């Protein structure tokens, strides 16, 4: 069996995670806002996801210290069936990093991008959280 290092294709049955900041209001019991999938200026090659085979939901929820995050869970094949592609984009510190290459900063206002963002709101299997991100260690405080 070949070594899995995050470069292998994302299988249709794989679960993938999308972190959603609690403070934005992009998730409520009524559903997920399309804004949860809106590319930021830094999303040059696609919006980020995490592959469940490489990290837990709690690990995927880690973000900025002191902030809390929800995690939307998707099945890769469900996205592909709706024309949304997933690419493995491992990083040295995150072999489970993946991206949706059709949702980028340079096309964020395109009709197709807006439609994909809307479709994503309907494909989540579930949303978990919110999970608080750990506070940074304060080496100056005394215990």
N, C-alpha and C. Protein backbone atom coordinates (compact mmCIF):
# COMPACT_ATOMS: atom_id res chain seq x y z
N UNK A 1 0.85 -1.19 0.00
CA UNK A 1 0.00 0.00 0.00
C UNK A 1 0.89 1.24 0.00
N UNK A 2 0.62 2.21 -0.88
CA UNK A 2 1.46 3.39 -0.94
C UNK A 2 1.31 4.25 0.32
N UNK A 3 2.37 4.95 0.62
CA UNK A 3 2.37 5.86 1.77
C UNK A 3 1.39 7.00 1.50
N UNK A 4 0.58 7.30 2.49
CA UNK A 4 -0.35 8.42 2.36
C UNK A 4 0.26 9.62 3.07
N UNK A 5 0.50 10.67 2.30
CA UNK A 5 1.14 11.86 2.84
C UNK A 5 0.32 13.12 2.60
N UNK A 6 -0.92 12.95 2.17
CA UNK A 6 -1.78 14.08 1.89
C UNK A 6 -1.84 14.45 0.42
N UNK A 7 -0.94 13.88 -0.38
CA UNK A 7 -0.95 14.19 -1.81
C UNK A 7 -1.87 13.27 -2.60
N UNK A 8 -2.33 12.17 -1.96
CA UNK A 8 -3.21 11.24 -2.67
C UNK A 8 -4.56 11.91 -2.91
N UNK A 9 -5.24 11.54 -4.00
CA UNK A 9 -6.54 12.14 -4.30
C UNK A 9 -7.52 11.98 -3.14
N UNK A 10 -8.42 12.93 -3.02
CA UNK A 10 -9.47 12.87 -2.01
C UNK A 10 -10.53 11.90 -2.52
N UNK A 11 -10.75 10.81 -1.79
CA UNK A 11 -11.71 9.79 -2.20
C UNK A 11 -13.14 10.29 -2.01
N UNK A 12 -14.05 9.80 -2.83
CA UNK A 12 -15.45 10.21 -2.74
C UNK A 12 -16.06 9.96 -1.37
N UNK A 13 -15.64 8.87 -0.70
CA UNK A 13 -16.23 8.55 0.60
C UNK A 13 -15.59 9.32 1.76
N UNK A 14 -14.53 10.06 1.49
CA UNK A 14 -13.87 10.82 2.56
C UNK A 14 -14.75 11.92 3.10
N UNK A 15 -14.64 12.12 4.41
CA UNK A 15 -15.28 13.26 5.04
C UNK A 15 -14.30 14.41 5.06
N UNK A 16 -14.83 15.60 4.82
CA UNK A 16 -14.01 16.80 4.85
C UNK A 16 -14.69 17.83 5.74
N UNK A 17 -13.87 18.71 6.31
CA UNK A 17 -14.35 19.70 7.27
C UNK A 17 -14.11 21.11 6.76
N UNK A 18 -15.05 22.00 7.06
CA UNK A 18 -14.89 23.43 6.81
C UNK A 18 -15.15 24.15 8.13
N UNK A 19 -14.15 24.89 8.58
CA UNK A 19 -14.25 25.65 9.83
C UNK A 19 -15.03 26.94 9.58
N UNK A 20 -15.94 27.26 10.52
CA UNK A 20 -16.79 28.45 10.41
C UNK A 20 -16.68 29.22 11.73
N UNK A 21 -16.18 30.46 11.70
CA UNK A 21 -16.05 31.24 12.93
C UNK A 21 -17.42 31.47 13.58
N UNK A 22 -17.51 31.22 14.87
CA UNK A 22 -18.77 31.45 15.59
C UNK A 22 -19.16 32.92 15.55
N UNK A 23 -18.20 33.81 15.68
CA UNK A 23 -18.46 35.24 15.81
C UNK A 23 -19.11 35.85 14.56
N UNK A 24 -19.04 35.19 13.43
CA UNK A 24 -19.57 35.75 12.19
C UNK A 24 -21.08 35.59 12.04
N UNK A 25 -21.65 34.62 12.75
CA UNK A 25 -23.07 34.34 12.59
C UNK A 25 -23.37 33.59 11.31
N UNK A 26 -22.35 33.00 10.67
CA UNK A 26 -22.56 32.30 9.41
C UNK A 26 -23.14 30.92 9.60
N UNK A 27 -23.26 30.48 10.85
CA UNK A 27 -23.97 29.24 11.14
C UNK A 27 -24.96 29.50 12.25
N UNK A 28 -26.16 28.97 12.10
CA UNK A 28 -27.18 28.99 13.14
C UNK A 28 -27.95 27.68 13.00
N UNK A 29 -28.80 27.35 13.98
CA UNK A 29 -29.60 26.12 13.84
C UNK A 29 -30.45 26.10 12.57
N UNK A 30 -30.64 27.26 11.95
CA UNK A 30 -31.42 27.33 10.71
C UNK A 30 -30.59 26.97 9.48
N UNK A 31 -29.28 26.87 9.64
CA UNK A 31 -28.45 26.49 8.50
C UNK A 31 -27.16 27.28 8.41
N UNK A 32 -26.46 27.06 7.29
CA UNK A 32 -25.18 27.70 7.02
C UNK A 32 -25.39 28.79 5.98
N UNK A 33 -24.78 29.93 6.21
CA UNK A 33 -24.81 31.02 5.25
C UNK A 33 -23.81 30.75 4.13
N UNK A 34 -24.13 31.17 2.90
CA UNK A 34 -23.14 31.04 1.82
C UNK A 34 -21.84 31.78 2.14
N UNK A 35 -21.90 32.77 3.00
CA UNK A 35 -20.69 33.54 3.37
C UNK A 35 -19.63 32.65 4.02
N UNK A 36 -20.03 31.51 4.58
CA UNK A 36 -19.07 30.59 5.19
C UNK A 36 -18.11 30.01 4.15
N UNK A 37 -18.43 30.19 2.88
CA UNK A 37 -17.62 29.64 1.78
C UNK A 37 -17.08 30.75 0.87
N UNK A 38 -17.18 31.97 1.33
CA UNK A 38 -16.75 33.13 0.57
C UNK A 38 -15.22 33.21 0.60
N UNK A 39 -14.56 33.16 -0.56
CA UNK A 39 -13.10 33.25 -0.56
C UNK A 39 -12.63 34.61 -0.03
N UNK A 40 -11.57 34.58 0.76
CA UNK A 40 -10.93 35.79 1.25
C UNK A 40 -9.84 36.19 0.26
N UNK A 41 -9.29 37.37 0.43
CA UNK A 41 -8.22 37.85 -0.45
C UNK A 41 -7.02 36.92 -0.47
N UNK A 42 -6.80 36.19 0.62
CA UNK A 42 -5.65 35.28 0.70
C UNK A 42 -5.91 33.93 0.04
N UNK A 43 -7.15 33.67 -0.35
CA UNK A 43 -7.51 32.39 -0.97
C UNK A 43 -7.22 32.42 -2.47
N UNK A 44 -5.94 32.41 -2.81
CA UNK A 44 -5.50 32.53 -4.21
C UNK A 44 -5.73 31.24 -5.01
N UNK A 45 -5.65 30.08 -4.32
CA UNK A 45 -5.77 28.80 -5.03
C UNK A 45 -7.02 28.03 -4.62
N UNK A 46 -7.84 28.57 -3.72
CA UNK A 46 -9.07 27.93 -3.29
C UNK A 46 -9.29 28.06 -1.79
N UNK A 47 -10.54 27.90 -1.36
CA UNK A 47 -10.82 27.97 0.07
C UNK A 47 -10.36 26.67 0.74
N UNK A 48 -9.98 26.78 1.99
CA UNK A 48 -9.38 25.67 2.72
C UNK A 48 -10.40 24.74 3.36
N UNK A 49 -10.02 23.47 3.39
CA UNK A 49 -10.76 22.41 4.05
C UNK A 49 -9.76 21.53 4.78
N UNK A 50 -10.27 20.65 5.63
CA UNK A 50 -9.43 19.65 6.28
C UNK A 50 -10.00 18.27 5.98
N UNK A 51 -9.11 17.32 5.79
CA UNK A 51 -9.52 15.94 5.53
C UNK A 51 -9.62 15.18 6.84
N UNK A 52 -10.77 14.53 7.07
CA UNK A 52 -11.03 13.83 8.33
C UNK A 52 -10.05 12.69 8.56
N UNK A 53 -9.47 12.14 7.53
CA UNK A 53 -8.53 11.04 7.71
C UNK A 53 -7.23 11.51 8.34
N UNK A 54 -7.01 12.82 8.39
CA UNK A 54 -5.79 13.36 8.96
C UNK A 54 -5.99 14.12 10.27
N UNK A 55 -7.22 14.50 10.59
CA UNK A 55 -7.44 15.22 11.85
C UNK A 55 -8.87 15.06 12.33
N UNK A 56 -9.03 15.26 13.62
CA UNK A 56 -10.35 15.16 14.24
C UNK A 56 -11.13 16.46 13.99
N UNK A 57 -12.42 16.41 14.29
CA UNK A 57 -13.25 17.61 14.18
C UNK A 57 -12.68 18.70 15.08
N UNK A 58 -12.28 18.32 16.29
CA UNK A 58 -11.73 19.30 17.24
C UNK A 58 -10.45 19.94 16.70
N UNK A 59 -9.61 19.14 16.07
CA UNK A 59 -8.38 19.69 15.48
C UNK A 59 -8.71 20.61 14.31
N UNK A 60 -9.69 20.24 13.51
CA UNK A 60 -10.10 21.08 12.38
C UNK A 60 -10.68 22.40 12.85
N UNK A 61 -11.23 22.43 14.06
CA UNK A 61 -11.84 23.64 14.59
C UNK A 61 -10.82 24.65 15.12
N UNK A 62 -9.59 24.23 15.29
CA UNK A 62 -8.59 25.15 15.85
C UNK A 62 -8.32 26.31 14.89
N UNK A 63 -8.44 27.48 15.44
CA UNK A 63 -8.19 28.69 14.66
C UNK A 63 -7.45 29.69 15.51
N UNK A 64 -7.85 30.92 15.39
CA UNK A 64 -7.20 31.99 16.16
C UNK A 64 -7.45 31.79 17.65
N UNK A 65 -6.41 31.98 18.45
CA UNK A 65 -6.56 31.83 19.90
C UNK A 65 -7.66 32.74 20.44
N UNK A 66 -8.46 32.16 21.35
CA UNK A 66 -9.53 32.92 21.98
C UNK A 66 -10.82 32.96 21.18
N UNK A 67 -10.83 32.43 19.98
CA UNK A 67 -12.03 32.41 19.14
C UNK A 67 -12.63 31.00 19.17
N UNK A 68 -13.92 30.92 18.84
CA UNK A 68 -14.60 29.63 18.76
C UNK A 68 -15.07 29.40 17.34
N UNK A 69 -15.12 28.11 16.97
CA UNK A 69 -15.46 27.75 15.60
C UNK A 69 -16.41 26.56 15.56
N UNK A 70 -17.31 26.60 14.58
CA UNK A 70 -18.11 25.45 14.21
C UNK A 70 -17.34 24.70 13.13
N UNK A 71 -17.71 23.45 12.91
CA UNK A 71 -17.13 22.67 11.82
C UNK A 71 -18.27 22.01 11.05
N UNK A 72 -18.36 22.36 9.77
CA UNK A 72 -19.32 21.72 8.87
C UNK A 72 -18.65 20.49 8.26
N UNK A 73 -19.39 19.39 8.23
CA UNK A 73 -18.85 18.12 7.76
C UNK A 73 -19.53 17.76 6.43
N UNK A 74 -18.70 17.41 5.44
CA UNK A 74 -19.17 17.08 4.10
C UNK A 74 -18.59 15.74 3.67
N UNK A 75 -19.26 15.08 2.73
CA UNK A 75 -18.71 13.92 2.05
C UNK A 75 -18.20 14.41 0.70
N UNK A 76 -16.96 14.09 0.39
CA UNK A 76 -16.32 14.59 -0.83
C UNK A 76 -17.13 14.27 -2.08
N UNK A 77 -17.65 13.06 -2.18
CA UNK A 77 -18.41 12.67 -3.35
C UNK A 77 -19.67 13.49 -3.55
N UNK A 78 -20.29 13.94 -2.45
CA UNK A 78 -21.48 14.78 -2.56
C UNK A 78 -21.14 16.11 -3.24
N UNK A 79 -19.96 16.66 -2.91
CA UNK A 79 -19.53 17.90 -3.54
C UNK A 79 -19.25 17.66 -5.02
N UNK A 80 -18.51 16.61 -5.31
CA UNK A 80 -18.17 16.30 -6.71
C UNK A 80 -19.43 16.09 -7.55
N UNK A 81 -20.43 15.42 -6.97
CA UNK A 81 -21.68 15.17 -7.70
C UNK A 81 -22.39 16.47 -8.08
N UNK A 82 -22.05 17.55 -7.38
CA UNK A 82 -22.64 18.86 -7.68
C UNK A 82 -21.66 19.77 -8.41
N UNK A 83 -20.57 19.20 -8.93
CA UNK A 83 -19.62 19.97 -9.73
C UNK A 83 -18.62 20.78 -8.93
N UNK A 84 -18.43 20.45 -7.66
CA UNK A 84 -17.47 21.16 -6.81
C UNK A 84 -16.27 20.25 -6.60
N UNK A 85 -15.13 20.67 -7.10
CA UNK A 85 -13.93 19.85 -7.07
C UNK A 85 -13.11 20.09 -5.81
N UNK A 86 -12.41 19.06 -5.37
CA UNK A 86 -11.57 19.10 -4.17
C UNK A 86 -10.17 18.66 -4.56
N UNK A 87 -9.19 19.43 -4.15
CA UNK A 87 -7.80 19.12 -4.45
C UNK A 87 -7.02 18.96 -3.15
N UNK A 88 -6.21 17.91 -3.03
CA UNK A 88 -5.33 17.82 -1.88
C UNK A 88 -4.24 18.89 -2.00
N UNK A 89 -4.00 19.63 -0.94
CA UNK A 89 -2.96 20.66 -0.93
C UNK A 89 -2.24 20.60 0.41
N UNK A 90 -1.56 19.47 0.68
CA UNK A 90 -0.91 19.32 1.98
C UNK A 90 0.13 20.41 2.22
N UNK A 91 0.27 20.75 3.48
CA UNK A 91 1.27 21.72 3.93
C UNK A 91 2.23 20.99 4.85
N UNK A 92 3.43 21.51 5.02
CA UNK A 92 4.39 20.83 5.90
C UNK A 92 3.84 20.55 7.30
N UNK A 93 3.03 21.47 7.83
CA UNK A 93 2.47 21.30 9.16
C UNK A 93 1.05 20.75 9.14
N UNK A 94 0.51 20.46 7.96
CA UNK A 94 -0.88 20.01 7.84
C UNK A 94 -1.07 19.13 6.60
N UNK A 95 -0.77 17.83 6.72
CA UNK A 95 -0.92 16.94 5.56
C UNK A 95 -2.37 16.79 5.10
N UNK A 96 -3.34 17.13 5.96
CA UNK A 96 -4.75 16.99 5.62
C UNK A 96 -5.37 18.23 5.00
N UNK A 97 -4.57 19.23 4.68
CA UNK A 97 -5.11 20.44 4.07
C UNK A 97 -5.55 20.15 2.64
N UNK A 98 -6.72 20.64 2.29
CA UNK A 98 -7.26 20.50 0.93
C UNK A 98 -7.95 21.81 0.57
N UNK A 99 -8.25 21.97 -0.70
CA UNK A 99 -8.89 23.21 -1.15
C UNK A 99 -9.97 22.93 -2.19
N UNK A 100 -10.89 23.88 -2.28
CA UNK A 100 -11.88 23.90 -3.35
C UNK A 100 -11.37 24.91 -4.37
N UNK A 101 -10.71 24.45 -5.44
CA UNK A 101 -10.02 25.36 -6.35
C UNK A 101 -10.93 26.27 -7.16
N UNK A 102 -12.21 25.97 -7.23
CA UNK A 102 -13.13 26.82 -7.99
C UNK A 102 -13.65 28.00 -7.16
N UNK A 103 -13.31 28.04 -5.88
CA UNK A 103 -13.72 29.16 -5.02
C UNK A 103 -12.45 29.90 -4.58
N UNK A 104 -12.10 30.93 -5.36
CA UNK A 104 -10.85 31.68 -5.16
C UNK A 104 -11.14 33.17 -5.04
N UNK A 105 -10.14 33.88 -4.54
CA UNK A 105 -10.25 35.33 -4.41
C UNK A 105 -10.52 36.01 -5.74
N UNK A 106 -9.90 35.53 -6.81
CA UNK A 106 -10.03 36.20 -8.11
C UNK A 106 -11.38 35.96 -8.80
N UNK A 107 -12.16 34.99 -8.31
CA UNK A 107 -13.46 34.75 -8.95
C UNK A 107 -14.61 34.82 -7.95
N UNK A 108 -14.37 35.41 -6.80
CA UNK A 108 -15.34 35.40 -5.71
C UNK A 108 -16.69 36.02 -6.07
N UNK A 109 -16.73 36.93 -7.02
CA UNK A 109 -17.99 37.59 -7.41
C UNK A 109 -18.64 36.98 -8.65
N UNK A 110 -17.98 35.97 -9.24
CA UNK A 110 -18.54 35.33 -10.43
C UNK A 110 -19.83 34.58 -10.09
N UNK A 111 -20.74 34.55 -11.06
CA UNK A 111 -22.02 33.87 -10.88
C UNK A 111 -21.82 32.40 -10.47
N UNK A 112 -20.87 31.70 -11.12
CA UNK A 112 -20.64 30.29 -10.82
C UNK A 112 -20.14 30.10 -9.39
N UNK A 113 -19.28 30.99 -8.94
CA UNK A 113 -18.77 30.91 -7.56
C UNK A 113 -19.90 31.11 -6.57
N UNK A 114 -20.72 32.12 -6.79
CA UNK A 114 -21.85 32.38 -5.89
C UNK A 114 -22.82 31.20 -5.86
N UNK A 115 -23.02 30.57 -7.01
CA UNK A 115 -23.89 29.39 -7.07
C UNK A 115 -23.27 28.23 -6.29
N UNK A 116 -21.96 28.01 -6.42
CA UNK A 116 -21.30 26.94 -5.66
C UNK A 116 -21.39 27.19 -4.16
N UNK A 117 -21.21 28.44 -3.77
CA UNK A 117 -21.32 28.78 -2.34
C UNK A 117 -22.71 28.44 -1.82
N UNK A 118 -23.73 28.72 -2.61
CA UNK A 118 -25.11 28.40 -2.22
C UNK A 118 -25.32 26.89 -2.14
N UNK A 119 -24.81 26.15 -3.11
CA UNK A 119 -24.94 24.69 -3.11
C UNK A 119 -24.30 24.11 -1.85
N UNK A 120 -23.14 24.62 -1.47
CA UNK A 120 -22.44 24.10 -0.29
C UNK A 120 -23.30 24.21 0.98
N UNK A 121 -24.17 25.20 1.05
CA UNK A 121 -25.02 25.35 2.24
C UNK A 121 -25.99 24.19 2.40
N UNK A 122 -26.24 23.45 1.32
CA UNK A 122 -27.21 22.36 1.36
C UNK A 122 -26.58 20.98 1.50
N UNK A 123 -25.25 20.90 1.40
CA UNK A 123 -24.60 19.60 1.33
C UNK A 123 -23.98 19.11 2.64
N UNK A 124 -23.98 19.93 3.65
CA UNK A 124 -23.37 19.54 4.92
C UNK A 124 -24.14 18.38 5.55
N UNK A 125 -23.40 17.36 5.98
CA UNK A 125 -24.01 16.23 6.67
C UNK A 125 -24.43 16.62 8.08
N UNK A 126 -23.59 17.45 8.72
CA UNK A 126 -23.88 17.98 10.04
C UNK A 126 -22.89 19.09 10.34
N UNK A 127 -23.22 19.86 11.37
CA UNK A 127 -22.33 20.90 11.87
C UNK A 127 -22.13 20.64 13.35
N UNK A 128 -20.87 20.66 13.79
CA UNK A 128 -20.54 20.44 15.20
C UNK A 128 -19.92 21.70 15.78
N UNK A 129 -20.03 21.81 17.10
CA UNK A 129 -19.39 22.92 17.78
C UNK A 129 -20.42 23.80 18.46
N UNK A 130 -20.01 24.97 18.90
CA UNK A 130 -18.71 25.57 18.66
C UNK A 130 -17.62 25.00 19.58
N UNK A 131 -16.41 25.00 19.04
CA UNK A 131 -15.23 24.56 19.77
C UNK A 131 -14.35 25.77 20.01
N UNK A 132 -13.92 25.99 21.25
CA UNK A 132 -13.00 27.11 21.50
C UNK A 132 -11.58 26.75 21.07
N UNK A 133 -10.89 27.70 20.47
CA UNK A 133 -9.47 27.50 20.16
C UNK A 133 -8.69 27.76 21.44
N UNK A 134 -7.62 27.02 21.65
CA UNK A 134 -6.85 27.21 22.87
C UNK A 134 -6.22 28.59 22.91
N UNK A 135 -6.12 29.12 24.11
CA UNK A 135 -5.43 30.39 24.31
C UNK A 135 -3.94 30.16 24.12
N UNK A 136 -3.22 31.17 23.65
CA UNK A 136 -1.76 31.00 23.53
C UNK A 136 -1.14 30.85 24.91
N UNK A 137 -0.05 30.13 24.95
CA UNK A 137 0.67 29.97 26.21
C UNK A 137 1.30 31.29 26.61
N UNK A 138 1.15 31.63 27.88
CA UNK A 138 1.75 32.86 28.40
C UNK A 138 2.92 32.45 29.30
N UNK A 139 4.10 32.56 28.75
CA UNK A 139 5.29 32.13 29.49
C UNK A 139 5.70 33.14 30.55
N UNK A 140 5.05 34.30 30.56
CA UNK A 140 5.40 35.32 31.55
C UNK A 140 4.58 35.21 32.82
N UNK A 141 3.47 34.47 32.75
CA UNK A 141 2.64 34.35 33.96
C UNK A 141 3.20 33.28 34.89
N UNK A 142 2.95 33.49 36.15
CA UNK A 142 3.40 32.53 37.15
C UNK A 142 2.24 31.67 37.58
N UNK A 143 2.53 30.42 37.79
CA UNK A 143 1.47 29.49 38.19
C UNK A 143 1.47 29.30 39.67
